[in-house]
Amino acid sequence: MGYTFNRKQLKKTGLSSVKIYAQCMNPFSIYRATDWFDADFASYANNTKTWAATSATRSFVMGVNIGF
């Protein structure tokens, strides 16, 4: 999600462009009710159930792009 300020909003600041943004990946798991199954580890390939060695990584990114 991001927001870019227009030139009218930035007129008094001396900046030509400003954009703020945020990104969130895997903030929570909706499968916490089942102790025996973790959806982030299950993968289905060729119609067979296999268990992958991937982890459920949580990621939060925030930033600002500024142009002068």
Protein backbone atom coordinates (compact mmCIF):
# COMPACT_ATOMS: atom_id res chain seq x y z
CA MET A 1 0.00 0.00 0.00
CA GLY A 2 1.38 3.43 -0.82
CA TYR A 3 0.51 7.09 -1.11
CA THR A 4 2.12 9.66 -3.39
CA PHE A 5 1.80 13.30 -2.39
CA ASN A 6 0.93 15.65 -5.26
CA ARG A 7 2.89 18.82 -6.09
CA LYS A 8 0.25 21.07 -4.54
CA GLN A 9 0.69 19.32 -1.19
CA LEU A 10 4.51 19.64 -1.44
CA LYS A 11 4.62 23.24 -2.66
CA LYS A 12 5.88 24.76 0.63
CA THR A 13 8.35 21.96 1.44
CA GLY A 14 10.74 22.42 -1.50
CA LEU A 15 10.49 18.73 -2.43
CA SER A 16 9.49 17.57 -5.90
CA SER A 17 8.04 14.19 -4.89
CA VAL A 18 7.28 12.16 -1.78
CA LYS A 19 5.84 8.66 -1.59
CA ILE A 20 5.26 6.64 1.59
CA TYR A 21 4.58 2.93 1.44
CA ALA A 22 4.09 -0.18 3.58
CA GLN A 23 4.06 -3.89 2.83
CA CYS A 24 3.17 -6.81 5.04
CA MET A 25 3.59 -10.51 4.22
CA ASN A 26 2.30 -13.35 6.43
CA PRO A 27 1.38 -11.14 9.41
CA PHE A 28 -0.47 -14.03 11.10
CA SER A 29 -1.55 -17.59 10.48
CA ILE A 30 -5.23 -18.43 10.22
CA TYR A 31 -4.55 -22.10 10.97
CA ARG A 32 -3.53 -21.80 14.62
CA ALA A 33 -6.55 -23.86 15.76
CA THR A 34 -4.98 -27.10 14.49
CA ASP A 35 -1.77 -28.15 16.20
CA TRP A 36 -1.02 -30.99 13.77
CA PHE A 37 -1.26 -29.04 10.49
CA ASP A 38 0.66 -25.98 9.33
CA ALA A 39 -0.56 -24.72 5.95
CA ASP A 40 2.72 -22.91 5.30
CA PHE A 41 4.60 -26.22 5.23
CA ALA A 42 2.22 -28.25 3.05
CA SER A 43 2.63 -28.36 -0.70
CA TYR A 44 0.85 -30.41 -3.31
CA ALA A 45 2.77 -31.48 -6.41
CA ASN A 46 1.43 -33.86 -9.08
CA ASN A 47 -1.65 -34.61 -6.94
CA THR A 48 0.48 -36.06 -4.14
CA LYS A 49 0.90 -34.57 -0.70
CA THR A 50 4.50 -33.69 0.11
CA TRP A 51 6.01 -31.70 2.95
CA ALA A 52 8.24 -28.81 1.96
CA ALA A 53 11.12 -27.45 4.01
CA THR A 54 10.04 -23.83 3.71
CA SER A 55 9.39 -21.59 6.65
CA ALA A 56 6.54 -19.18 7.28
CA THR A 57 8.48 -15.94 7.18
CA ARG A 58 6.87 -12.81 8.51
CA SER A 59 7.85 -9.58 6.79
CA PHE A 60 7.02 -5.93 7.47
CA VAL A 61 8.43 -3.22 5.18
CA MET A 62 7.90 0.53 5.43
CA GLY A 63 9.60 3.24 3.46
CA VAL A 64 9.68 6.74 2.05
CA ASN A 65 10.84 7.84 -1.42
CA ILE A 66 11.83 11.52 -1.55
CA GLY A 67 12.75 13.54 -4.62
CA PHE A 68 14.40 16.97 -4.49
